[in-house]
Amino acid sequence: MALIDIRLSDMEGTQLLTEMKETIPKMRKIIVTGYPDLQNAIASVQKGADYYITKPTKMDELVRVVREQLKKQREEEQYAEKKVAEFIETRLRENPL
């Protein structure tokens, strides 16, 4: 899980999203910004943000979003594990050892 500000000291948050998408694509990424606008939101989603939230943010809202994103990540991991297990089972049935 990564909480990324749209404006960072050394780069734009959208640039970091692009780099993270290439290196750690399964990590959930939430953009947090005090400078909300439609262009930032669109660019963030296109570059891999899983959620876009504006500041100031109430802590309970941020916690809710983080929990929701972690739940989605777990569900995706479980789905992937299930698909791998199904693939292995199918291969073993087709080509027993």
PDB file of N, CA and C in Angstrom:
ATOM      1  N   MET A   1       0.846  -1.166   0.000  1.00  0.00           N
ATOM      2  CA  MET A   1       0.000   0.000   0.000  1.00  0.00           C
ATOM      3  C   MET A   1       0.892   1.230   0.000  1.00  0.00           C
ATOM      4  N   ALA A   2       0.565   2.151  -0.877  1.00  0.00           N
ATOM      5  CA  ALA A   2       1.315   3.405  -0.927  1.00  0.00           C
ATOM      6  C   ALA A   2       0.343   4.575  -0.945  1.00  0.00           C
ATOM      7  N   LEU A   3       0.582   5.545  -0.060  1.00  0.00           N
ATOM      8  CA  LEU A   3      -0.138   6.814  -0.078  1.00  0.00           C
ATOM      9  C   LEU A   3       0.812   7.820  -0.710  1.00  0.00           C
ATOM     10  N   ILE A   4       0.410   8.389  -1.843  1.00  0.00           N
ATOM     11  CA  ILE A   4       1.304   9.238  -2.613  1.00  0.00           C
ATOM     12  C   ILE A   4       0.676  10.613  -2.797  1.00  0.00           C
ATOM     13  N   ASP A   5       1.410  11.632  -2.427  1.00  0.00           N
ATOM     14  CA  ASP A   5       0.938  12.996  -2.659  1.00  0.00           C
ATOM     15  C   ASP A   5       1.155  13.331  -4.129  1.00  0.00           C
ATOM     16  N   ILE A   6       0.258  14.094  -4.695  1.00  0.00           N
ATOM     17  CA  ILE A   6       0.377  14.465  -6.106  1.00  0.00           C
ATOM     18  C   ILE A   6       1.599  15.360  -6.328  1.00  0.00           C
ATOM     19  N   ARG A   7       1.948  16.149  -5.318  1.00  0.00           N
ATOM     20  CA  ARG A   7       3.118  17.030  -5.413  1.00  0.00           C
ATOM     21  C   ARG A   7       4.175  16.569  -4.423  1.00  0.00           C
ATOM     22  N   LEU A   8       5.245  16.037  -4.965  1.00  0.00           N
ATOM     23  CA  LEU A   8       6.373  15.591  -4.153  1.00  0.00           C
ATOM     24  C   LEU A   8       7.535  16.554  -4.358  1.00  0.00           C
ATOM     25  N   SER A   9       8.502  16.529  -3.460  1.00  0.00           N
ATOM     26  CA  SER A   9       9.611  17.484  -3.544  1.00  0.00           C
ATOM     27  C   SER A   9      10.498  17.253  -4.763  1.00  0.00           C
ATOM     28  N   ASP A  10      10.627  16.012  -5.204  1.00  0.00           N
ATOM     29  CA  ASP A  10      11.549  15.732  -6.305  1.00  0.00           C
ATOM     30  C   ASP A  10      10.879  15.266  -7.599  1.00  0.00           C
ATOM     31  N   MET A  11       9.543  15.037  -7.582  1.00  0.00           N
ATOM     32  CA  MET A  11       8.822  14.633  -8.795  1.00  0.00           C
ATOM     33  C   MET A  11       7.332  14.754  -8.561  1.00  0.00           C
ATOM     34  N   GLU A  12       6.586  14.615  -9.612  1.00  0.00           N
ATOM     35  CA  GLU A  12       5.127  14.586  -9.494  1.00  0.00           C
ATOM     36  C   GLU A  12       4.692  13.193  -9.048  1.00  0.00           C
ATOM     37  N   GLY A  13       3.627  13.126  -8.286  1.00  0.00           N
ATOM     38  CA  GLY A  13       3.105  11.841  -7.846  1.00  0.00           C
ATOM     39  C   GLY A  13       2.712  10.943  -9.006  1.00  0.00           C
ATOM     40  N   THR A  14       2.238  11.547 -10.094  1.00  0.00           N
ATOM     41  CA  THR A  14       1.865  10.749 -11.263  1.00  0.00           C
ATOM     42  C   THR A  14       3.084  10.086 -11.896  1.00  0.00           C
ATOM     43  N   GLN A  15       4.234  10.741 -11.830  1.00  0.00           N
ATOM     44  CA  GLN A  15       5.468  10.123 -12.339  1.00  0.00           C
ATOM     45  C   GLN A  15       5.839   8.917 -11.473  1.00  0.00           C
ATOM     46  N   LEU A  16       5.705   9.074 -10.166  1.00  0.00           N
ATOM     47  CA  LEU A  16       5.988   7.961  -9.256  1.00  0.00           C
ATOM     48  C   LEU A  16       5.027   6.806  -9.524  1.00  0.00           C
ATOM     49  N   LEU A  17       3.764   7.127  -9.791  1.00  0.00           N
ATOM     50  CA  LEU A  17       2.795   6.072 -10.133  1.00  0.00           C
ATOM     51  C   LEU A  17       3.258   5.262 -11.335  1.00  0.00           C
ATOM     52  N   THR A  18       3.749   5.944 -12.355  1.00  0.00           N
ATOM     53  CA  THR A  18       4.232   5.265 -13.557  1.00  0.00           C
ATOM     54  C   THR A  18       5.382   4.326 -13.216  1.00  0.00           C
ATOM     55  N   GLU A  19       6.323   4.796 -12.419  1.00  0.00           N
ATOM     56  CA  GLU A  19       7.468   3.972 -12.031  1.00  0.00           C
ATOM     57  C   GLU A  19       7.030   2.778 -11.181  1.00  0.00           C
ATOM     58  N   MET A  20       6.087   3.010 -10.289  1.00  0.00           N
ATOM     59  CA  MET A  20       5.606   1.923  -9.438  1.00  0.00           C
ATOM     60  C   MET A  20       4.816   0.899 -10.244  1.00  0.00           C
ATOM     61  N   LYS A  21       4.068   1.361 -11.214  1.00  0.00           N
ATOM     62  CA  LYS A  21       3.282   0.451 -12.053  1.00  0.00           C
ATOM     63  C   LYS A  21       4.193  -0.519 -12.785  1.00  0.00           C
ATOM     64  N   GLU A  22       5.368  -0.035 -13.175  1.00  0.00           N
ATOM     65  CA  GLU A  22       6.328  -0.871 -13.887  1.00  0.00           C
ATOM     66  C   GLU A  22       7.082  -1.814 -12.956  1.00  0.00           C
ATOM     67  N   THR A  23       7.369  -1.386 -11.726  1.00  0.00           N
ATOM     68  CA  THR A  23       8.204  -2.193 -10.836  1.00  0.00           C
ATOM     69  C   THR A  23       7.419  -3.014  -9.820  1.00  0.00           C
ATOM     70  N   ILE A  24       6.325  -2.468  -9.317  1.00  0.00           N
ATOM     71  CA  ILE A  24       5.509  -3.187  -8.334  1.00  0.00           C
ATOM     72  C   ILE A  24       4.022  -3.008  -8.671  1.00  0.00           C
ATOM     73  N   PRO A  25       3.587  -3.627  -9.757  1.00  0.00           N
ATOM     74  CA  PRO A  25       2.238  -3.379 -10.269  1.00  0.00           C
ATOM     75  C   PRO A  25       1.103  -3.819  -9.343  1.00  0.00           C
ATOM     76  N   LYS A  26       1.347  -4.790  -8.478  1.00  0.00           N
ATOM     77  CA  LYS A  26       0.260  -5.290  -7.629  1.00  0.00           C
ATOM     78  C   LYS A  26       0.031  -4.466  -6.373  1.00  0.00           C
ATOM     79  N   MET A  27       0.946  -3.560  -6.065  1.00  0.00           N
ATOM     80  CA  MET A  27       0.779  -2.720  -4.881  1.00  0.00           C
ATOM     81  C   MET A  27      -0.385  -1.754  -5.098  1.00  0.00           C
ATOM     82  N   ARG A  28      -1.227  -1.616  -4.089  1.00  0.00           N
ATOM     83  CA  ARG A  28      -2.326  -0.656  -4.150  1.00  0.00           C
ATOM     84  C   ARG A  28      -1.760   0.733  -3.936  1.00  0.00           C
ATOM     85  N   LYS A  29      -2.228   1.685  -4.750  1.00  0.00           N
ATOM     86  CA  LYS A  29      -1.703   3.039  -4.713  1.00  0.00           C
ATOM     87  C   LYS A  29      -2.845   4.041  -4.577  1.00  0.00           C
ATOM     88  N   ILE A  30      -2.731   4.898  -3.564  1.00  0.00           N
ATOM     89  CA  ILE A  30      -3.736   5.925  -3.307  1.00  0.00           C
ATOM     90  C   ILE A  30      -3.077   7.285  -3.471  1.00  0.00           C
ATOM     91  N   ILE A  31      -3.632   8.109  -4.343  1.00  0.00           N
ATOM     92  CA  ILE A  31      -3.150   9.481  -4.507  1.00  0.00           C
ATOM     93  C   ILE A  31      -3.904  10.366  -3.519  1.00  0.00           C
ATOM     94  N   VAL A  32      -3.147  11.183  -2.800  1.00  0.00           N
ATOM     95  CA  VAL A  32      -3.711  12.145  -1.861  1.00  0.00           C
ATOM     96  C   VAL A  32      -3.264  13.522  -2.333  1.00  0.00           C
ATOM     97  N   THR A  33      -4.210  14.455  -2.451  1.00  0.00           N
ATOM     98  CA  THR A  33      -3.824  15.772  -2.954  1.00  0.00           C
ATOM     99  C   THR A  33      -4.600  16.903  -2.305  1.00  0.00           C
ATOM    100  N   GLY A  34      -3.905  17.989  -2.134  1.00  0.00           N
ATOM    101  CA  GLY A  34      -4.531  19.232  -1.698  1.00  0.00           C
ATOM    102  C   GLY A  34      -4.804  20.145  -2.878  1.00  0.00           C
ATOM    103  N   TYR A  35      -4.484  19.651  -4.068  1.00  0.00           N
ATOM    104  CA  TYR A  35      -4.678  20.409  -5.299  1.00  0.00           C
ATOM    105  C   TYR A  35      -5.551  19.612  -6.279  1.00  0.00           C
ATOM    106  N   PRO A  36      -6.788  19.341  -5.887  1.00  0.00           N
ATOM    107  CA  PRO A  36      -7.629  18.497  -6.736  1.00  0.00           C
ATOM    108  C   PRO A  36      -8.077  19.215  -8.010  1.00  0.00           C
ATOM    109  N   ASP A  37      -7.979  18.516  -9.098  1.00  0.00           N
ATOM    110  CA  ASP A  37      -8.582  18.984 -10.336  1.00  0.00           C
ATOM    111  C   ASP A  37      -8.805  17.771 -11.242  1.00  0.00           C
ATOM    112  N   LEU A  38      -9.621  17.950 -12.223  1.00  0.00           N
ATOM    113  CA  LEU A  38     -10.004  16.848 -13.091  1.00  0.00           C
ATOM    114  C   LEU A  38      -8.797  16.247 -13.809  1.00  0.00           C
ATOM    115  N   GLN A  39      -7.872  17.085 -14.271  1.00  0.00           N
ATOM    116  CA  GLN A  39      -6.688  16.588 -14.986  1.00  0.00           C
ATOM    117  C   GLN A  39      -5.844  15.688 -14.089  1.00  0.00           C
ATOM    118  N   ASN A  40      -5.615  16.115 -12.838  1.00  0.00           N
ATOM    119  CA  ASN A  40      -4.851  15.288 -11.890  1.00  0.00           C
ATOM    120  C   ASN A  40      -5.543  13.957 -11.642  1.00  0.00           C
ATOM    121  N   ALA A  41      -6.840  14.003 -11.467  1.00  0.00           N
ATOM    122  CA  ALA A  41      -7.591  12.773 -11.193  1.00  0.00           C
ATOM    123  C   ALA A  41      -7.492  11.809 -12.363  1.00  0.00           C
ATOM    124  N   ILE A  42      -7.702  12.317 -13.566  1.00  0.00           N
ATOM    125  CA  ILE A  42      -7.638  11.467 -14.761  1.00  0.00           C
ATOM    126  C   ILE A  42      -6.231  10.903 -14.939  1.00  0.00           C
ATOM    127  N   ALA A  43      -5.218  11.756 -14.833  1.00  0.00           N
ATOM    128  CA  ALA A  43      -3.833  11.303 -14.986  1.00  0.00           C
ATOM    129  C   ALA A  43      -3.476  10.261 -13.936  1.00  0.00           C
ATOM    130  N   SER A  44      -3.942  10.459 -12.714  1.00  0.00           N
ATOM    131  CA  SER A  44      -3.642   9.511 -11.638  1.00  0.00           C
ATOM    132  C   SER A  44      -4.222   8.139 -11.929  1.00  0.00           C
ATOM    133  N   VAL A  45      -5.458   8.103 -12.338  1.00  0.00           N
ATOM    134  CA  VAL A  45      -6.109   6.821 -12.634  1.00  0.00           C
ATOM    135  C   VAL A  45      -5.459   6.159 -13.849  1.00  0.00           C
ATOM    136  N   GLN A  46      -5.172   6.934 -14.876  1.00  0.00           N
ATOM    137  CA  GLN A  46      -4.541   6.375 -16.072  1.00  0.00           C
ATOM    138  C   GLN A  46      -3.156   5.814 -15.774  1.00  0.00           C
ATOM    139  N   LYS A  47      -2.481   6.372 -14.792  1.00  0.00           N
ATOM    140  CA  LYS A  47      -1.127   5.926 -14.475  1.00  0.00           C
ATOM    141  C   LYS A  47      -1.082   4.917 -13.340  1.00  0.00           C
ATOM    142  N   GLY A  48      -2.250   4.430 -12.925  1.00  0.00           N
ATOM    143  CA  GLY A  48      -2.238   3.310 -11.991  1.00  0.00           C
ATOM    144  C   GLY A  48      -2.753   3.545 -10.598  1.00  0.00           C
ATOM    145  N   ALA A  49      -3.262   4.728 -10.291  1.00  0.00           N
ATOM    146  CA  ALA A  49      -3.810   4.956  -8.948  1.00  0.00           C
ATOM    147  C   ALA A  49      -5.069   4.113  -8.767  1.00  0.00           C
ATOM    148  N   ASP A  50      -5.193   3.518  -7.603  1.00  0.00           N
ATOM    149  CA  ASP A  50      -6.379   2.731  -7.286  1.00  0.00           C
ATOM    150  C   ASP A  50      -7.450   3.582  -6.616  1.00  0.00           C
ATOM    151  N   TYR A  51      -7.046   4.734  -6.109  1.00  0.00           N
ATOM    152  CA  TYR A  51      -7.990   5.632  -5.448  1.00  0.00           C
ATOM    153  C   TYR A  51      -7.396   7.032  -5.443  1.00  0.00           C
ATOM    154  N   TYR A  52      -8.260   8.028  -5.431  1.00  0.00           N
ATOM    155  CA  TYR A  52      -7.855   9.441  -5.458  1.00  0.00           C
ATOM    156  C   TYR A  52      -8.641  10.129  -4.353  1.00  0.00           C
ATOM    157  N   ILE A  53      -7.928  10.723  -3.413  1.00  0.00           N
ATOM    158  CA  ILE A  53      -8.599  11.349  -2.274  1.00  0.00           C
ATOM    159  C   ILE A  53      -8.028  12.760  -2.078  1.00  0.00           C
ATOM    160  N   THR A  54      -8.891  13.683  -1.672  1.00  0.00           N
ATOM    161  CA  THR A  54      -8.460  15.073  -1.524  1.00  0.00           C
ATOM    162  C   THR A  54      -8.227  15.432  -0.058  1.00  0.00           C
ATOM    163  N   LYS A  55      -7.307  16.379   0.128  1.00  0.00           N
ATOM    164  CA  LYS A  55      -7.038  16.926   1.460  1.00  0.00           C
ATOM    165  C   LYS A  55      -7.819  18.225   1.599  1.00  0.00           C
ATOM    166  N   PRO A  56      -8.202  18.602   2.772  1.00  0.00           N
ATOM    167  CA  PRO A  56      -8.009  17.840   4.004  1.00  0.00           C
ATOM    168  C   PRO A  56      -8.931  16.623   4.031  1.00  0.00           C
ATOM    169  N   THR A  57      -8.405  15.569   4.614  1.00  0.00           N
ATOM    170  CA  THR A  57      -9.137  14.311   4.699  1.00  0.00           C
ATOM    171  C   THR A  57      -9.369  13.972   6.159  1.00  0.00           C
ATOM    172  N   LYS A  58     -10.570  13.574   6.451  1.00  0.00           N
ATOM    173  CA  LYS A  58     -10.849  13.120   7.814  1.00  0.00           C
ATOM    174  C   LYS A  58     -10.190  11.761   8.000  1.00  0.00           C
ATOM    175  N   MET A  59      -9.631  11.538   9.173  1.00  0.00           N
ATOM    176  CA  MET A  59      -8.889  10.313   9.441  1.00  0.00           C
ATOM    177  C   MET A  59      -9.763   9.072   9.252  1.00  0.00           C
ATOM    178  N   ASP A  60     -11.022   9.135   9.673  1.00  0.00           N
ATOM    179  CA  ASP A  60     -11.870   7.948   9.523  1.00  0.00           C
ATOM    180  C   ASP A  60     -12.116   7.627   8.047  1.00  0.00           C
ATOM    181  N   GLU A  61     -12.180   8.643   7.193  1.00  0.00           N
ATOM    182  CA  GLU A  61     -12.338   8.423   5.755  1.00  0.00           C
ATOM    183  C   GLU A  61     -11.078   7.781   5.170  1.00  0.00           C
ATOM    184  N   LEU A  62      -9.912   8.279   5.569  1.00  0.00           N
ATOM    185  CA  LEU A  62      -8.663   7.714   5.087  1.00  0.00           C
ATOM    186  C   LEU A  62      -8.515   6.260   5.529  1.00  0.00           C
ATOM    187  N   VAL A  63      -8.823   5.980   6.772  1.00  0.00           N
ATOM    188  CA  VAL A  63      -8.749   4.605   7.282  1.00  0.00           C
ATOM    189  C   VAL A  63      -9.709   3.699   6.516  1.00  0.00           C
ATOM    190  N   ARG A  64     -10.916   4.186   6.232  1.00  0.00           N
ATOM    191  CA  ARG A  64     -11.891   3.401   5.470  1.00  0.00           C
ATOM    192  C   ARG A  64     -11.352   3.063   4.084  1.00  0.00           C
ATOM    193  N   VAL A  65     -10.766   4.055   3.411  1.00  0.00           N
ATOM    194  CA  VAL A  65     -10.224   3.845   2.063  1.00  0.00           C
ATOM    195  C   VAL A  65      -9.064   2.850   2.100  1.00  0.00           C
ATOM    196  N   VAL A  66      -8.172   2.999   3.064  1.00  0.00           N
ATOM    197  CA  VAL A  66      -7.031   2.086   3.184  1.00  0.00           C
ATOM    198  C   VAL A  66      -7.528   0.666   3.426  1.00  0.00           C
ATOM    199  N   ARG A  67      -8.466   0.489   4.326  1.00  0.00           N
ATOM    200  CA  ARG A  67      -9.013  -0.854   4.589  1.00  0.00           C
ATOM    201  C   ARG A  67      -9.659  -1.442   3.337  1.00  0.00           C
ATOM    202  N   GLU A  68     -10.409  -0.620   2.627  1.00  0.00           N
ATOM    203  CA  GLU A  68     -11.079  -1.064   1.398  1.00  0.00           C
ATOM    204  C   GLU A  68     -10.051  -1.513   0.352  1.00  0.00           C
ATOM    205  N   GLN A  69      -8.998  -0.748   0.197  1.00  0.00           N
ATOM    206  CA  GLN A  69      -7.968  -1.092  -0.782  1.00  0.00           C
ATOM    207  C   GLN A  69      -7.188  -2.340  -0.377  1.00  0.00           C
ATOM    208  N   LEU A  70      -6.905  -2.494   0.908  1.00  0.00           N
ATOM    209  CA  LEU A  70      -6.226  -3.698   1.375  1.00  0.00           C
ATOM    210  C   LEU A  70      -7.105  -4.929   1.173  1.00  0.00           C
ATOM    211  N   LYS A  71      -8.399  -4.787   1.394  1.00  0.00           N
ATOM    212  CA  LYS A  71      -9.329  -5.893   1.162  1.00  0.00           C
ATOM    213  C   LYS A  71      -9.315  -6.289  -0.318  1.00  0.00           C
ATOM    214  N   LYS A  72      -9.349  -5.300  -1.205  1.00  0.00           N
ATOM    215  CA  LYS A  72      -9.304  -5.585  -2.641  1.00  0.00           C
ATOM    216  C   LYS A  72      -8.002  -6.288  -3.016  1.00  0.00           C
ATOM    217  N   GLN A  73      -6.900  -5.848  -2.419  1.00  0.00           N
ATOM    218  CA  GLN A  73      -5.616  -6.474  -2.709  1.00  0.00           C
ATOM    219  C   GLN A  73      -5.627  -7.936  -2.265  1.00  0.00           C
ATOM    220  N   ARG A  74      -6.142  -8.212  -1.076  1.00  0.00           N
ATOM    221  CA  ARG A  74      -6.227  -9.601  -0.592  1.00  0.00           C
ATOM    222  C   ARG A  74      -7.094 -10.442  -1.515  1.00  0.00           C
ATOM    223  N   GLU A  75      -8.230  -9.888  -1.948  1.00  0.00           N
ATOM    224  CA  GLU A  75      -9.123 -10.619  -2.846  1.00  0.00           C
ATOM    225  C   GLU A  75      -8.437 -10.931  -4.171  1.00  0.00           C
ATOM    226  N   GLU A  76      -7.678  -9.985  -4.696  1.00  0.00           N
ATOM    227  CA  GLU A  76      -6.952 -10.214  -5.945  1.00  0.00           C
ATOM    228  C   GLU A  76      -5.896 -11.302  -5.773  1.00  0.00           C
ATOM    229  N   GLU A  77      -5.192 -11.286  -4.637  1.00  0.00           N
ATOM    230  CA  GLU A  77      -4.180 -12.305  -4.366  1.00  0.00           C
ATOM    231  C   GLU A  77      -4.821 -13.685  -4.243  1.00  0.00           C
ATOM    232  N   GLN A  78      -5.951 -13.759  -3.543  1.00  0.00           N
ATOM    233  CA  GLN A  78      -6.640 -15.037  -3.384  1.00  0.00           C
ATOM    234  C   GLN A  78      -7.143 -15.558  -4.725  1.00  0.00           C
ATOM    235  N   TYR A  79      -7.653 -14.682  -5.558  1.00  0.00           N
ATOM    236  CA  TYR A  79      -8.123 -15.065  -6.881  1.00  0.00           C
ATOM    237  C   TYR A  79      -6.964 -15.612  -7.714  1.00  0.00           C
ATOM    238  N   ALA A  80      -5.822 -14.924  -7.665  1.00  0.00           N
ATOM    239  CA  ALA A  80      -4.651 -15.372  -8.420  1.00  0.00           C
ATOM    240  C   ALA A  80      -4.174 -16.735  -7.923  1.00  0.00           C
ATOM    241  N   GLU A  81      -4.139 -16.918  -6.620  1.00  0.00           N
ATOM    242  CA  GLU A  81      -3.732 -18.208  -6.062  1.00  0.00           C
ATOM    243  C   GLU A  81      -4.685 -19.318  -6.494  1.00  0.00           C
ATOM    244  N   LYS A  82      -5.983 -19.027  -6.500  1.00  0.00           N
ATOM    245  CA  LYS A  82      -6.981 -20.001  -6.916  1.00  0.00           C
ATOM    246  C   LYS A  82      -6.775 -20.382  -8.377  1.00  0.00           C
ATOM    247  N   LYS A  83      -6.518 -19.394  -9.235  1.00  0.00           N
ATOM    248  CA  LYS A  83      -6.309 -19.655 -10.662  1.00  0.00           C
ATOM    249  C   LYS A  83      -5.055 -20.495 -10.887  1.00  0.00           C
ATOM    250  N   VAL A  84      -3.999 -20.242 -10.145  1.00  0.00           N
ATOM    251  CA  VAL A  84      -2.770 -21.032 -10.269  1.00  0.00           C
ATOM    252  C   VAL A  84      -3.048 -22.470  -9.843  1.00  0.00           C
ATOM    253  N   ALA A  85      -3.751 -22.649  -8.730  1.00  0.00           N
ATOM    254  CA  ALA A  85      -4.077 -24.000  -8.261  1.00  0.00           C
ATOM    255  C   ALA A  85      -4.933 -24.739  -9.285  1.00  0.00           C
ATOM    256  N   GLU A  86      -5.915 -24.061  -9.860  1.00  0.00           N
ATOM    257  CA  GLU A  86      -6.754 -24.682 -10.888  1.00  0.00           C
ATOM    258  C   GLU A  86      -5.932 -25.077 -12.111  1.00  0.00           C
ATOM    259  N   PHE A  87      -4.992 -24.229 -12.509  1.00  0.00           N
ATOM    260  CA  PHE A  87      -4.146 -24.521 -13.651  1.00  0.00           C
ATOM    261  C   PHE A  87      -3.306 -25.770 -13.378  1.00  0.00           C
ATOM    262  N   ILE A  88      -2.711 -25.844 -12.197  1.00  0.00           N
ATOM    263  CA  ILE A  88      -1.878 -26.994 -11.839  1.00  0.00           C
ATOM    264  C   ILE A  88      -2.712 -28.265 -11.812  1.00  0.00           C
ATOM    265  N   GLU A  89      -3.892 -28.205 -11.212  1.00  0.00           N
ATOM    266  CA  GLU A  89      -4.770 -29.373 -11.157  1.00  0.00           C
ATOM    267  C   GLU A  89      -5.150 -29.848 -12.562  1.00  0.00           C
ATOM    268  N   THR A  90      -5.467 -28.915 -13.440  1.00  0.00           N
ATOM    269  CA  THR A  90      -5.826 -29.256 -14.822  1.00  0.00           C
ATOM    270  C   THR A  90      -4.649 -29.919 -15.524  1.00  0.00           C
ATOM    271  N   ARG A  91      -3.471 -29.363 -15.370  1.00  0.00           N
ATOM    272  CA  ARG A  91      -2.277 -29.941 -16.011  1.00  0.00           C
ATOM    273  C   ARG A  91      -1.984 -31.340 -15.486  1.00  0.00           C
ATOM    274  N   LEU A  92      -2.164 -31.531 -14.197  1.00  0.00           N
ATOM    275  CA  LEU A  92      -1.903 -32.857 -13.611  1.00  0.00           C
ATOM    276  C   LEU A  92      -2.924 -33.896 -14.100  1.00  0.00           C
ATOM    277  N   ARG A  93      -4.168 -33.466 -14.285  1.00  0.00           N
ATOM    278  CA  ARG A  93      -5.187 -34.384 -14.811  1.00  0.00           C
ATOM    279  C   ARG A  93      -4.886 -34.756 -16.252  1.00  0.00           C
ATOM    280  N   GLU A  94      -4.421 -33.768 -17.028  1.00  0.00           N
ATOM    281  CA  GLU A  94      -4.137 -34.003 -18.442  1.00  0.00           C
ATOM    282  C   GLU A  94      -2.833 -34.779 -18.643  1.00  0.00           C
ATOM    283  N   ASN A  95      -1.873 -34.575 -17.766  1.00  0.00           N
ATOM    284  CA  ASN A  95      -0.562 -35.213 -17.883  1.00  0.00           C
ATOM    285  C   ASN A  95      -0.132 -35.771 -16.537  1.00  0.00           C
ATOM    286  N   PRO A  96      -0.738 -36.855 -16.096  1.00  0.00           N
ATOM    287  CA  PRO A  96      -0.356 -37.410 -14.776  1.00  0.00           C
ATOM    288  C   PRO A  96       1.116 -37.832 -14.768  1.00  0.00           C
ATOM    289  N   LEU A  97       1.709 -37.703 -13.599  1.00  0.00           N
ATOM    290  CA  LEU A  97       3.122 -38.052 -13.457  1.00  0.00           C
ATOM    291  C   LEU A  97       3.343 -39.499 -13.537  1.00  0.00           C
TER     292      LEU A  97
END
